[in-house]
Amino acid sequence: MPLAEARPNQDLVKLATERQHLTNVLKLVAYQIESDLVNLIRPHYARAEEEGRTLIQTVLQSSATLEPADRELHVTLAPLSSPHRSQAVAALCQDLNTTEACFPGTELRMRFAVAGYPK
């Protein structure tokens, strides 16, 4: 079904070719990052094959606190709805902490944790 038929009486907006290419590149980069995080969580989450991508998407949409301290930025994620998922994410956080990644544009080393779980 053509879009014009699906949305009658509405103006259609077509992105310029350059913008469409940029949008596609950003989607590809986001998908690759999500895939990398799923691979990192696989050893810690038994249902990674079936639910890994959904778990990562949930984590990326969940709330967190950001606290700058000395030369670090503490990112503390809210616990998830079930303890086994929170434990898997806490293990992922420990793995990410070993990378010593800095917050973009700063020298602040990012430290990840899940509230209520060992750091």
PDB file of N, CA and C in Angstrom:
ATOM      1  N   MET A   1       0.850  -1.167   0.000  1.00  0.00           N
ATOM      2  CA  MET A   1       0.000   0.000   0.000  1.00  0.00           C
ATOM      3  C   MET A   1       0.899   1.233   0.000  1.00  0.00           C
ATOM      4  N   PRO A   2       0.689   2.140  -0.906  1.00  0.00           N
ATOM      5  CA  PRO A   2       1.466   3.380  -0.927  1.00  0.00           C
ATOM      6  C   PRO A   2       1.196   4.204   0.328  1.00  0.00           C
ATOM      7  N   LEU A   3       2.210   4.921   0.777  1.00  0.00           N
ATOM      8  CA  LEU A   3       2.094   5.730   1.982  1.00  0.00           C
ATOM      9  C   LEU A   3       0.993   6.775   1.861  1.00  0.00           C
ATOM     10  N   ALA A   4       0.822   7.336   0.701  1.00  0.00           N
ATOM     11  CA  ALA A   4      -0.210   8.357   0.499  1.00  0.00           C
ATOM     12  C   ALA A   4      -1.604   7.795   0.769  1.00  0.00           C
ATOM     13  N   GLU A   5      -1.798   6.507   0.458  1.00  0.00           N
ATOM     14  CA  GLU A   5      -3.094   5.888   0.733  1.00  0.00           C
ATOM     15  C   GLU A   5      -3.250   5.561   2.220  1.00  0.00           C
ATOM     16  N   ALA A   6      -2.155   5.210   2.871  1.00  0.00           N
ATOM     17  CA  ALA A   6      -2.197   4.857   4.292  1.00  0.00           C
ATOM     18  C   ALA A   6      -2.424   6.088   5.154  1.00  0.00           C
ATOM     19  N   ARG A   7      -1.985   7.243   4.698  1.00  0.00           N
ATOM     20  CA  ARG A   7      -2.113   8.477   5.473  1.00  0.00           C
ATOM     21  C   ARG A   7      -2.755   9.565   4.611  1.00  0.00           C
ATOM     22  N   PRO A   8      -4.035   9.392   4.277  1.00  0.00           N
ATOM     23  CA  PRO A   8      -4.698  10.403   3.432  1.00  0.00           C
ATOM     24  C   PRO A   8      -4.809  11.745   4.154  1.00  0.00           C
ATOM     25  N   ASN A   9      -4.814  12.793   3.379  1.00  0.00           N
ATOM     26  CA  ASN A   9      -4.964  14.167   3.885  1.00  0.00           C
ATOM     27  C   ASN A   9      -3.811  14.615   4.772  1.00  0.00           C
ATOM     28  N   GLN A  10      -2.672  13.977   4.647  1.00  0.00           N
ATOM     29  CA  GLN A  10      -1.494  14.394   5.421  1.00  0.00           C
ATOM     30  C   GLN A  10      -0.345  14.624   4.454  1.00  0.00           C
ATOM     31  N   ASP A  11       0.423  15.670   4.736  1.00  0.00           N
ATOM     32  CA  ASP A  11       1.581  15.943   3.904  1.00  0.00           C
ATOM     33  C   ASP A  11       2.642  14.878   4.129  1.00  0.00           C
ATOM     34  N   LEU A  12       3.262  14.452   3.054  1.00  0.00           N
ATOM     35  CA  LEU A  12       4.347  13.487   3.139  1.00  0.00           C
ATOM     36  C   LEU A  12       5.674  14.228   3.119  1.00  0.00           C
ATOM     37  N   VAL A  13       6.574  13.810   3.986  1.00  0.00           N
ATOM     38  CA  VAL A  13       7.883  14.435   4.061  1.00  0.00           C
ATOM     39  C   VAL A  13       8.910  13.424   3.598  1.00  0.00           C
ATOM     40  N   LYS A  14       9.686  13.805   2.605  1.00  0.00           N
ATOM     41  CA  LYS A  14      10.747  12.927   2.109  1.00  0.00           C
ATOM     42  C   LYS A  14      12.080  13.561   2.472  1.00  0.00           C
ATOM     43  N   LEU A  15      12.912  12.784   3.135  1.00  0.00           N
ATOM     44  CA  LEU A  15      14.220  13.295   3.514  1.00  0.00           C
ATOM     45  C   LEU A  15      15.098  13.470   2.284  1.00  0.00           C
ATOM     46  N   ALA A  16      15.951  14.475   2.336  1.00  0.00           N
ATOM     47  CA  ALA A  16      16.941  14.640   1.281  1.00  0.00           C
ATOM     48  C   ALA A  16      17.848  13.411   1.291  1.00  0.00           C
ATOM     49  N   THR A  17      18.407  13.091   0.156  1.00  0.00           N
ATOM     50  CA  THR A  17      19.231  11.888   0.025  1.00  0.00           C
ATOM     51  C   THR A  17      20.349  11.860   1.058  1.00  0.00           C
ATOM     52  N   GLU A  18      21.019  12.989   1.277  1.00  0.00           N
ATOM     53  CA  GLU A  18      22.126  13.039   2.237  1.00  0.00           C
ATOM     54  C   GLU A  18      21.625  12.752   3.650  1.00  0.00           C
ATOM     55  N   ARG A  19      20.493  13.323   3.999  1.00  0.00           N
ATOM     56  CA  ARG A  19      19.936  13.092   5.334  1.00  0.00           C
ATOM     57  C   ARG A  19      19.527  11.629   5.503  1.00  0.00           C
ATOM     58  N   GLN A  20      18.972  11.054   4.442  1.00  0.00           N
ATOM     59  CA  GLN A  20      18.571   9.650   4.500  1.00  0.00           C
ATOM     60  C   GLN A  20      19.800   8.764   4.694  1.00  0.00           C
ATOM     61  N   HIS A  21      20.888   9.066   4.007  1.00  0.00           N
ATOM     62  CA  HIS A  21      22.127   8.299   4.173  1.00  0.00           C
ATOM     63  C   HIS A  21      22.652   8.427   5.602  1.00  0.00           C
ATOM     64  N   LEU A  22      22.641   9.645   6.141  1.00  0.00           N
ATOM     65  CA  LEU A  22      23.102   9.860   7.514  1.00  0.00           C
ATOM     66  C   LEU A  22      22.216   9.096   8.502  1.00  0.00           C
ATOM     67  N   THR A  23      20.912   9.157   8.291  1.00  0.00           N
ATOM     68  CA  THR A  23      19.984   8.419   9.154  1.00  0.00           C
ATOM     69  C   THR A  23      20.281   6.925   9.100  1.00  0.00           C
ATOM     70  N   ASN A  24      20.504   6.401   7.922  1.00  0.00           N
ATOM     71  CA  ASN A  24      20.812   4.974   7.779  1.00  0.00           C
ATOM     72  C   ASN A  24      22.125   4.599   8.456  1.00  0.00           C
ATOM     73  N   VAL A  25      23.135   5.464   8.342  1.00  0.00           N
ATOM     74  CA  VAL A  25      24.415   5.198   9.003  1.00  0.00           C
ATOM     75  C   VAL A  25      24.242   5.165  10.515  1.00  0.00           C
ATOM     76  N   LEU A  26      23.490   6.128  11.057  1.00  0.00           N
ATOM     77  CA  LEU A  26      23.257   6.159  12.502  1.00  0.00           C
ATOM     78  C   LEU A  26      22.503   4.916  12.974  1.00  0.00           C
ATOM     79  N   LYS A  27      21.536   4.454  12.206  1.00  0.00           N
ATOM     80  CA  LYS A  27      20.813   3.230  12.554  1.00  0.00           C
ATOM     81  C   LYS A  27      21.750   2.029  12.556  1.00  0.00           C
ATOM     82  N   LEU A  28      22.631   1.963  11.561  1.00  0.00           N
ATOM     83  CA  LEU A  28      23.593   0.853  11.493  1.00  0.00           C
ATOM     84  C   LEU A  28      24.552   0.872  12.672  1.00  0.00           C
ATOM     85  N   VAL A  29      25.044   2.041  13.041  1.00  0.00           N
ATOM     86  CA  VAL A  29      25.956   2.163  14.174  1.00  0.00           C
ATOM     87  C   VAL A  29      25.243   1.764  15.466  1.00  0.00           C
ATOM     88  N   ALA A  30      24.015   2.227  15.656  1.00  0.00           N
ATOM     89  CA  ALA A  30      23.248   1.869  16.854  1.00  0.00           C
ATOM     90  C   ALA A  30      23.015   0.361  16.918  1.00  0.00           C
ATOM     91  N   TYR A  31      22.698  -0.253  15.790  1.00  0.00           N
ATOM     92  CA  TYR A  31      22.476  -1.704  15.755  1.00  0.00           C
ATOM     93  C   TYR A  31      23.762  -2.452  16.089  1.00  0.00           C
ATOM     94  N   GLN A  32      24.890  -1.971  15.580  1.00  0.00           N
ATOM     95  CA  GLN A  32      26.170  -2.631  15.866  1.00  0.00           C
ATOM     96  C   GLN A  32      26.532  -2.522  17.344  1.00  0.00           C
ATOM     97  N   ILE A  33      26.307  -1.366  17.938  1.00  0.00           N
ATOM     98  CA  ILE A  33      26.578  -1.189  19.371  1.00  0.00           C
ATOM     99  C   ILE A  33      25.687  -2.113  20.187  1.00  0.00           C
ATOM    100  N   GLU A  34      24.417  -2.174  19.820  1.00  0.00           N
ATOM    101  CA  GLU A  34      23.485  -3.067  20.510  1.00  0.00           C
ATOM    102  C   GLU A  34      23.950  -4.520  20.388  1.00  0.00           C
ATOM    103  N   SER A  35      24.393  -4.906  19.199  1.00  0.00           N
ATOM    104  CA  SER A  35      24.886  -6.277  18.973  1.00  0.00           C
ATOM    105  C   SER A  35      26.123  -6.561  19.817  1.00  0.00           C
ATOM    106  N   ASP A  36      27.027  -5.588  19.910  1.00  0.00           N
ATOM    107  CA  ASP A  36      28.230  -5.763  20.731  1.00  0.00           C
ATOM    108  C   ASP A  36      27.866  -5.944  22.206  1.00  0.00           C
ATOM    109  N   LEU A  37      26.892  -5.183  22.683  1.00  0.00           N
ATOM    110  CA  LEU A  37      26.462  -5.322  24.078  1.00  0.00           C
ATOM    111  C   LEU A  37      25.798  -6.676  24.315  1.00  0.00           C
ATOM    112  N   VAL A  38      25.027  -7.157  23.349  1.00  0.00           N
ATOM    113  CA  VAL A  38      24.425  -8.490  23.476  1.00  0.00           C
ATOM    114  C   VAL A  38      25.531  -9.546  23.572  1.00  0.00           C
ATOM    115  N   ASN A  39      26.563  -9.408  22.768  1.00  0.00           N
ATOM    116  CA  ASN A  39      27.685 -10.364  22.832  1.00  0.00           C
ATOM    117  C   ASN A  39      28.388 -10.309  24.183  1.00  0.00           C
ATOM    118  N   LEU A  40      28.510  -9.122  24.758  1.00  0.00           N
ATOM    119  CA  LEU A  40      29.152  -8.989  26.067  1.00  0.00           C
ATOM    120  C   LEU A  40      28.311  -9.586  27.194  1.00  0.00           C
ATOM    121  N   ILE A  41      27.002  -9.527  27.059  1.00  0.00           N
ATOM    122  CA  ILE A  41      26.138 -10.024  28.130  1.00  0.00           C
ATOM    123  C   ILE A  41      25.895 -11.536  28.020  1.00  0.00           C
ATOM    124  N   ARG A  42      26.193 -12.094  26.869  1.00  0.00           N
ATOM    125  CA  ARG A  42      25.925 -13.518  26.612  1.00  0.00           C
ATOM    126  C   ARG A  42      26.462 -14.448  27.706  1.00  0.00           C
ATOM    127  N   PRO A  43      27.697 -14.285  28.214  1.00  0.00           N
ATOM    128  CA  PRO A  43      28.185 -15.199  29.250  1.00  0.00           C
ATOM    129  C   PRO A  43      27.462 -15.057  30.591  1.00  0.00           C
ATOM    130  N   HIS A  44      26.756 -13.965  30.780  1.00  0.00           N
ATOM    131  CA  HIS A  44      26.126 -13.677  32.070  1.00  0.00           C
ATOM    132  C   HIS A  44      24.607 -13.895  32.066  1.00  0.00           C
ATOM    133  N   TYR A  45      24.047 -14.151  30.896  1.00  0.00           N
ATOM    134  CA  TYR A  45      22.588 -14.221  30.782  1.00  0.00           C
ATOM    135  C   TYR A  45      22.213 -15.443  29.951  1.00  0.00           C
ATOM    136  N   ALA A  46      21.608 -16.430  30.598  1.00  0.00           N
ATOM    137  CA  ALA A  46      21.309 -17.709  29.950  1.00  0.00           C
ATOM    138  C   ALA A  46      20.369 -17.561  28.749  1.00  0.00           C
ATOM    139  N   ARG A  47      19.501 -16.589  28.773  1.00  0.00           N
ATOM    140  CA  ARG A  47      18.531 -16.420  27.691  1.00  0.00           C
ATOM    141  C   ARG A  47      18.961 -15.353  26.678  1.00  0.00           C
ATOM    142  N   ALA A  48      20.245 -15.150  26.549  1.00  0.00           N
ATOM    143  CA  ALA A  48      20.761 -14.103  25.662  1.00  0.00           C
ATOM    144  C   ALA A  48      20.337 -14.314  24.208  1.00  0.00           C
ATOM    145  N   GLU A  49      20.303 -15.562  23.763  1.00  0.00           N
ATOM    146  CA  GLU A  49      19.905 -15.811  22.376  1.00  0.00           C
ATOM    147  C   GLU A  49      18.472 -15.363  22.117  1.00  0.00           C
ATOM    148  N   GLU A  50      17.584 -15.634  23.061  1.00  0.00           N
ATOM    149  CA  GLU A  50      16.175 -15.318  22.873  1.00  0.00           C
ATOM    150  C   GLU A  50      15.825 -13.895  23.287  1.00  0.00           C
ATOM    151  N   GLU A  51      16.454 -13.400  24.347  1.00  0.00           N
ATOM    152  CA  GLU A  51      16.032 -12.131  24.937  1.00  0.00           C
ATOM    153  C   GLU A  51      17.139 -11.085  25.048  1.00  0.00           C
ATOM    154  N   GLY A  52      18.327 -11.391  24.581  1.00  0.00           N
ATOM    155  CA  GLY A  52      19.463 -10.493  24.773  1.00  0.00           C
ATOM    156  C   GLY A  52      19.243  -9.098  24.223  1.00  0.00           C
ATOM    157  N   ARG A  53      18.763  -9.020  23.005  1.00  0.00           N
ATOM    158  CA  ARG A  53      18.558  -7.714  22.377  1.00  0.00           C
ATOM    159  C   ARG A  53      17.486  -6.914  23.127  1.00  0.00           C
ATOM    160  N   THR A  54      16.420  -7.587  23.544  1.00  0.00           N
ATOM    161  CA  THR A  54      15.357  -6.920  24.310  1.00  0.00           C
ATOM    162  C   THR A  54      15.894  -6.434  25.649  1.00  0.00           C
ATOM    163  N   LEU A  55      16.716  -7.241  26.296  1.00  0.00           N
ATOM    164  CA  LEU A  55      17.308  -6.842  27.573  1.00  0.00           C
ATOM    165  C   LEU A  55      18.170  -5.593  27.397  1.00  0.00           C
ATOM    166  N   ILE A  56      19.018  -5.581  26.395  1.00  0.00           N
ATOM    167  CA  ILE A  56      19.886  -4.420  26.153  1.00  0.00           C
ATOM    168  C   ILE A  56      19.037  -3.184  25.849  1.00  0.00           C
ATOM    169  N   GLN A  57      18.002  -3.322  25.046  1.00  0.00           N
ATOM    170  CA  GLN A  57      17.130  -2.179  24.740  1.00  0.00           C
ATOM    171  C   GLN A  57      16.462  -1.657  26.006  1.00  0.00           C
ATOM    172  N   THR A  58      16.056  -2.567  26.885  1.00  0.00           N
ATOM    173  CA  THR A  58      15.440  -2.170  28.158  1.00  0.00           C
ATOM    174  C   THR A  58      16.430  -1.390  29.010  1.00  0.00           C
ATOM    175  N   VAL A  59      17.656  -1.872  29.080  1.00  0.00           N
ATOM    176  CA  VAL A  59      18.691  -1.196  29.867  1.00  0.00           C
ATOM    177  C   VAL A  59      18.959   0.202  29.312  1.00  0.00           C
ATOM    178  N   LEU A  60      19.048   0.308  28.001  1.00  0.00           N
ATOM    179  CA  LEU A  60      19.341   1.604  27.387  1.00  0.00           C
ATOM    180  C   LEU A  60      18.201   2.608  27.576  1.00  0.00           C
ATOM    181  N   GLN A  61      17.003   2.120  27.837  1.00  0.00           N
ATOM    182  CA  GLN A  61      15.861   3.003  28.046  1.00  0.00           C
ATOM    183  C   GLN A  61      15.554   3.218  29.529  1.00  0.00           C
ATOM    184  N   SER A  62      16.236   2.505  30.402  1.00  0.00           N
ATOM    185  CA  SER A  62      15.935   2.614  31.828  1.00  0.00           C
ATOM    186  C   SER A  62      16.556   3.875  32.425  1.00  0.00           C
ATOM    187  N   SER A  63      16.121   4.200  33.621  1.00  0.00           N
ATOM    188  CA  SER A  63      16.649   5.396  34.281  1.00  0.00           C
ATOM    189  C   SER A  63      17.999   5.097  34.926  1.00  0.00           C
ATOM    190  N   ALA A  64      18.742   6.160  35.133  1.00  0.00           N
ATOM    191  CA  ALA A  64      20.067   6.043  35.748  1.00  0.00           C
ATOM    192  C   ALA A  64      20.409   7.368  36.413  1.00  0.00           C
ATOM    193  N   THR A  65      21.334   7.298  37.356  1.00  0.00           N
ATOM    194  CA  THR A  65      21.865   8.530  37.940  1.00  0.00           C
ATOM    195  C   THR A  65      23.281   8.731  37.434  1.00  0.00           C
ATOM    196  N   LEU A  66      23.637   9.964  37.217  1.00  0.00           N
ATOM    197  CA  LEU A  66      24.982  10.334  36.779  1.00  0.00           C
ATOM    198  C   LEU A  66      25.608  11.184  37.864  1.00  0.00           C
ATOM    199  N   GLU A  67      26.760  10.755  38.343  1.00  0.00           N
ATOM    200  CA  GLU A  67      27.445  11.501  39.393  1.00  0.00           C
ATOM    201  C   GLU A  67      28.919  11.682  39.026  1.00  0.00           C
ATOM    202  N   PRO A  68      29.322  12.916  38.709  1.00  0.00           N
ATOM    203  CA  PRO A  68      30.743  13.156  38.484  1.00  0.00           C
ATOM    204  C   PRO A  68      31.486  13.151  39.818  1.00  0.00           C
ATOM    205  N   ALA A  69      32.632  12.490  39.850  1.00  0.00           N
ATOM    206  CA  ALA A  69      33.450  12.426  41.066  1.00  0.00           C
ATOM    207  C   ALA A  69      34.913  12.359  40.654  1.00  0.00           C
ATOM    208  N   ASP A  70      35.692  13.317  41.139  1.00  0.00           N
ATOM    209  CA  ASP A  70      37.119  13.387  40.787  1.00  0.00           C
ATOM    210  C   ASP A  70      37.286  13.251  39.283  1.00  0.00           C
ATOM    211  N   ARG A  71      37.895  12.162  38.849  1.00  0.00           N
ATOM    212  CA  ARG A  71      38.138  11.955  37.421  1.00  0.00           C
ATOM    213  C   ARG A  71      37.245  10.866  36.848  1.00  0.00           C
ATOM    214  N   GLU A  72      36.096  10.635  37.473  1.00  0.00           N
ATOM    215  CA  GLU A  72      35.184   9.579  37.036  1.00  0.00           C
ATOM    216  C   GLU A  72      33.768  10.114  36.902  1.00  0.00           C
ATOM    217  N   LEU A  73      33.004   9.429  36.064  1.00  0.00           N
ATOM    218  CA  LEU A  73      31.575   9.684  35.956  1.00  0.00           C
ATOM    219  C   LEU A  73      30.884   8.380  36.320  1.00  0.00           C
ATOM    220  N   HIS A  74      30.194   8.373  37.459  1.00  0.00           N
ATOM    221  CA  HIS A  74      29.497   7.175  37.933  1.00  0.00           C
ATOM    222  C   HIS A  74      28.106   7.128  37.305  1.00  0.00           C
ATOM    223  N   VAL A  75      27.852   6.057  36.576  1.00  0.00           N
ATOM    224  CA  VAL A  75      26.559   5.830  35.939  1.00  0.00           C
ATOM    225  C   VAL A  75      25.922   4.656  36.678  1.00  0.00           C
ATOM    226  N   THR A  76      24.898   4.939  37.471  1.00  0.00           N
ATOM    227  CA  THR A  76      24.236   3.897  38.256  1.00  0.00           C
ATOM    228  C   THR A  76      22.857   3.655  37.679  1.00  0.00           C
ATOM    229  N   LEU A  77      22.682   2.473  37.108  1.00  0.00           N
ATOM    230  CA  LEU A  77      21.423   2.096  36.478  1.00  0.00           C
ATOM    231  C   LEU A  77      20.425   1.630  37.527  1.00  0.00           C
ATOM    232  N   ALA A  78      19.154   1.868  37.272  1.00  0.00           N
ATOM    233  CA  ALA A  78      18.101   1.356  38.150  1.00  0.00           C
ATOM    234  C   ALA A  78      18.010  -0.155  37.965  1.00  0.00           C
ATOM    235  N   PRO A  79      17.722  -0.895  39.045  1.00  0.00           N
ATOM    236  CA  PRO A  79      17.560  -2.347  38.899  1.00  0.00           C
ATOM    237  C   PRO A  79      16.397  -2.658  37.959  1.00  0.00           C
ATOM    238  N   LEU A  80      16.482  -3.795  37.301  1.00  0.00           N
ATOM    239  CA  LEU A  80      15.427  -4.210  36.383  1.00  0.00           C
ATOM    240  C   LEU A  80      14.328  -4.955  37.131  1.00  0.00           C
ATOM    241  N   SER A  81      13.333  -5.401  36.403  1.00  0.00           N
ATOM    242  CA  SER A  81      12.155  -6.015  37.020  1.00  0.00           C
ATOM    243  C   SER A  81      12.422  -7.371  37.665  1.00  0.00           C
ATOM    244  N   SER A  82      13.495  -8.036  37.264  1.00  0.00           N
ATOM    245  CA  SER A  82      13.796  -9.336  37.875  1.00  0.00           C
ATOM    246  C   SER A  82      15.267  -9.387  38.290  1.00  0.00           C
ATOM    247  N   PRO A  83      15.550 -10.035  39.424  1.00  0.00           N
ATOM    248  CA  PRO A  83      16.925 -10.077  39.929  1.00  0.00           C
ATOM    249  C   PRO A  83      17.928 -10.711  38.957  1.00  0.00           C
ATOM    250  N   HIS A  84      17.520 -11.760  38.239  1.00  0.00           N
ATOM    251  CA  HIS A  84      18.491 -12.401  37.341  1.00  0.00           C
ATOM    252  C   HIS A  84      18.885 -11.465  36.193  1.00  0.00           C
ATOM    253  N   ARG A  85      17.985 -10.614  35.754  1.00  0.00           N
ATOM    254  CA  ARG A  85      18.334  -9.637  34.716  1.00  0.00           C
ATOM    255  C   ARG A  85      19.229  -8.547  35.289  1.00  0.00           C
ATOM    256  N   SER A  86      18.916  -8.092  36.486  1.00  0.00           N
ATOM    257  CA  SER A  86      19.760  -7.075  37.126  1.00  0.00           C
ATOM    258  C   SER A  86      21.164  -7.607  37.367  1.00  0.00           C
ATOM    259  N   GLN A  87      21.278  -8.877  37.774  1.00  0.00           N
ATOM    260  CA  GLN A  87      22.598  -9.482  38.000  1.00  0.00           C
ATOM    261  C   GLN A  87      23.378  -9.569  36.696  1.00  0.00           C
ATOM    262  N   ALA A  88      22.700  -9.930  35.615  1.00  0.00           N
ATOM    263  CA  ALA A  88      23.375 -10.001  34.310  1.00  0.00           C
ATOM    264  C   ALA A  88      23.872  -8.630  33.886  1.00  0.00           C
ATOM    265  N   VAL A  89      23.054  -7.612  34.099  1.00  0.00           N
ATOM    266  CA  VAL A  89      23.448  -6.247  33.727  1.00  0.00           C
ATOM    267  C   VAL A  89      24.579  -5.765  34.629  1.00  0.00           C
ATOM    268  N   ALA A  90      24.547  -6.125  35.909  1.00  0.00           N
ATOM    269  CA  ALA A  90      25.638  -5.751  36.821  1.00  0.00           C
ATOM    270  C   ALA A  90      26.952  -6.385  36.356  1.00  0.00           C
ATOM    271  N   ALA A  91      26.897  -7.629  35.889  1.00  0.00           N
ATOM    272  CA  ALA A  91      28.099  -8.284  35.363  1.00  0.00           C
ATOM    273  C   ALA A  91      28.574  -7.580  34.093  1.00  0.00           C
ATOM    274  N   LEU A  92      27.638  -7.170  33.246  1.00  0.00           N
ATOM    275  CA  LEU A  92      27.993  -6.403  32.048  1.00  0.00           C
ATOM    276  C   LEU A  92      28.669  -5.100  32.441  1.00  0.00           C
ATOM    277  N   CYS A  93      28.142  -4.442  33.476  1.00  0.00           N
ATOM    278  CA  CYS A  93      28.747  -3.200  33.959  1.00  0.00           C
ATOM    279  C   CYS A  93      30.195  -3.428  34.387  1.00  0.00           C
ATOM    280  N   GLN A  94      30.451  -4.513  35.092  1.00  0.00           N
ATOM    281  CA  GLN A  94      31.823  -4.819  35.516  1.00  0.00           C
ATOM    282  C   GLN A  94      32.730  -5.009  34.301  1.00  0.00           C
ATOM    283  N   ASP A  95      32.215  -5.693  33.277  1.00  0.00           N
ATOM    284  CA  ASP A  95      32.999  -5.873  32.047  1.00  0.00           C
ATOM    285  C   ASP A  95      33.281  -4.528  31.377  1.00  0.00           C
ATOM    286  N   LEU A  96      32.264  -3.665  31.309  1.00  0.00           N
ATOM    287  CA  LEU A  96      32.449  -2.352  30.686  1.00  0.00           C
ATOM    288  C   LEU A  96      33.438  -1.496  31.469  1.00  0.00           C
ATOM    289  N   ASN A  97      33.460  -1.656  32.798  1.00  0.00           N
ATOM    290  CA  ASN A  97      34.385  -0.870  33.617  1.00  0.00           C
ATOM    291  C   ASN A  97      35.834  -1.209  33.324  1.00  0.00           C
ATOM    292  N   THR A  98      36.101  -2.425  32.878  1.00  0.00           N
ATOM    293  CA  THR A  98      37.491  -2.813  32.567  1.00  0.00           C
ATOM    294  C   THR A  98      38.002  -2.121  31.309  1.00  0.00           C
ATOM    295  N   THR A  99      37.086  -1.586  30.483  1.00  0.00           N
ATOM    296  CA  THR A  99      37.520  -0.909  29.257  1.00  0.00           C
ATOM    297  C   THR A  99      38.089   0.471  29.530  1.00  0.00           C
ATOM    298  N   GLU A 100      37.794   1.019  30.706  1.00  0.00           N
ATOM    299  CA  GLU A 100      38.248   2.353  31.101  1.00  0.00           C
ATOM    300  C   GLU A 100      37.873   3.419  30.074  1.00  0.00           C
ATOM    301  N   ALA A 101      36.660   3.313  29.559  1.00  0.00           N
ATOM    302  CA  ALA A 101      36.158   4.280  28.578  1.00  0.00           C
ATOM    303  C   ALA A 101      35.912   5.628  29.242  1.00  0.00           C
ATOM    304  N   CYS A 102      36.185   6.686  28.502  1.00  0.00           N
ATOM    305  CA  CYS A 102      35.943   8.046  28.990  1.00  0.00           C
ATOM    306  C   CYS A 102      34.685   8.604  28.347  1.00  0.00           C
ATOM    307  N   PHE A 103      34.009   9.464  29.110  1.00  0.00           N
ATOM    308  CA  PHE A 103      32.835  10.139  28.581  1.00  0.00           C
ATOM    309  C   PHE A 103      33.302  11.023  27.428  1.00  0.00           C
ATOM    310  N   PRO A 104      32.619  10.962  26.271  1.00  0.00           N
ATOM    311  CA  PRO A 104      33.071  11.720  25.090  1.00  0.00           C
ATOM    312  C   PRO A 104      33.288  13.202  25.386  1.00  0.00           C
ATOM    313  N   GLY A 105      34.411  13.699  24.926  1.00  0.00           N
ATOM    314  CA  GLY A 105      34.740  15.105  25.072  1.00  0.00           C
ATOM    315  C   GLY A 105      35.310  15.483  26.423  1.00  0.00           C
ATOM    316  N   THR A 106      35.513  14.471  27.305  1.00  0.00           N
ATOM    317  CA  THR A 106      36.067  14.750  28.632  1.00  0.00           C
ATOM    318  C   THR A 106      37.160  13.737  28.949  1.00  0.00           C
ATOM    319  N   GLU A 107      37.759  13.919  30.105  1.00  0.00           N
ATOM    320  CA  GLU A 107      38.737  12.957  30.614  1.00  0.00           C
ATOM    321  C   GLU A 107      38.116  12.109  31.723  1.00  0.00           C
ATOM    322  N   LEU A 108      36.783  12.189  31.895  1.00  0.00           N
ATOM    323  CA  LEU A 108      36.111  11.451  32.957  1.00  0.00           C
ATOM    324  C   LEU A 108      35.966   9.982  32.571  1.00  0.00           C
ATOM    325  N   ARG A 109      36.554   9.116  33.391  1.00  0.00           N
ATOM    326  CA  ARG A 109      36.440   7.673  33.167  1.00  0.00           C
ATOM    327  C   ARG A 109      35.048   7.232  33.616  1.00  0.00           C
ATOM    328  N   MET A 110      34.356   6.504  32.764  1.00  0.00           N
ATOM    329  CA  MET A 110      32.994   6.069  33.082  1.00  0.00           C
ATOM    330  C   MET A 110      33.031   4.804  33.927  1.00  0.00           C
ATOM    331  N   ARG A 111      32.251   4.810  35.009  1.00  0.00           N
ATOM    332  CA  ARG A 111      32.127   3.660  35.916  1.00  0.00           C
ATOM    333  C   ARG A 111      30.659   3.288  35.985  1.00  0.00           C
ATOM    334  N   PHE A 112      30.324   2.078  35.552  1.00  0.00           N
ATOM    335  CA  PHE A 112      28.946   1.623  35.476  1.00  0.00           C
ATOM    336  C   PHE A 112      28.625   0.699  36.638  1.00  0.00           C
ATOM    337  N   ALA A 113      27.371   0.755  37.108  1.00  0.00           N
ATOM    338  CA  ALA A 113      26.894  -0.124  38.168  1.00  0.00           C
ATOM    339  C   ALA A 113      25.366  -0.191  38.101  1.00  0.00           C
ATOM    340  N   VAL A 114      24.818  -1.204  38.761  1.00  0.00           N
ATOM    341  CA  VAL A 114      23.377  -1.316  38.946  1.00  0.00           C
ATOM    342  C   VAL A 114      23.115  -1.076  40.420  1.00  0.00           C
ATOM    343  N   ALA A 115      22.182  -0.213  40.741  1.00  0.00           N
ATOM    344  CA  ALA A 115      21.873   0.110  42.135  1.00  0.00           C
ATOM    345  C   ALA A 115      21.536  -1.167  42.903  1.00  0.00           C
ATOM    346  N   GLY A 116      22.188  -1.336  44.062  1.00  0.00           N
ATOM    347  CA  GLY A 116      21.931  -2.472  44.910  1.00  0.00           C
ATOM    348  C   GLY A 116      22.741  -3.717  44.598  1.00  0.00           C
ATOM    349  N   TYR A 117      23.616  -3.643  43.603  1.00  0.00           N
ATOM    350  CA  TYR A 117      24.455  -4.786  43.231  1.00  0.00           C
ATOM    351  C   TYR A 117      25.928  -4.398  43.395  1.00  0.00           C
ATOM    352  N   PRO A 118      26.769  -5.384  43.722  1.00  0.00           N
ATOM    353  CA  PRO A 118      28.194  -5.080  43.940  1.00  0.00           C
ATOM    354  C   PRO A 118      28.812  -4.398  42.721  1.00  0.00           C
ATOM    355  N   LYS A 119      29.699  -3.473  42.996  1.00  0.00           N
ATOM    356  CA  LYS A 119      30.369  -2.726  41.925  1.00  0.00           C
ATOM    357  C   LYS A 119      31.641  -3.400  41.489  1.00  0.00           C
TER     358      LYS A 119
END
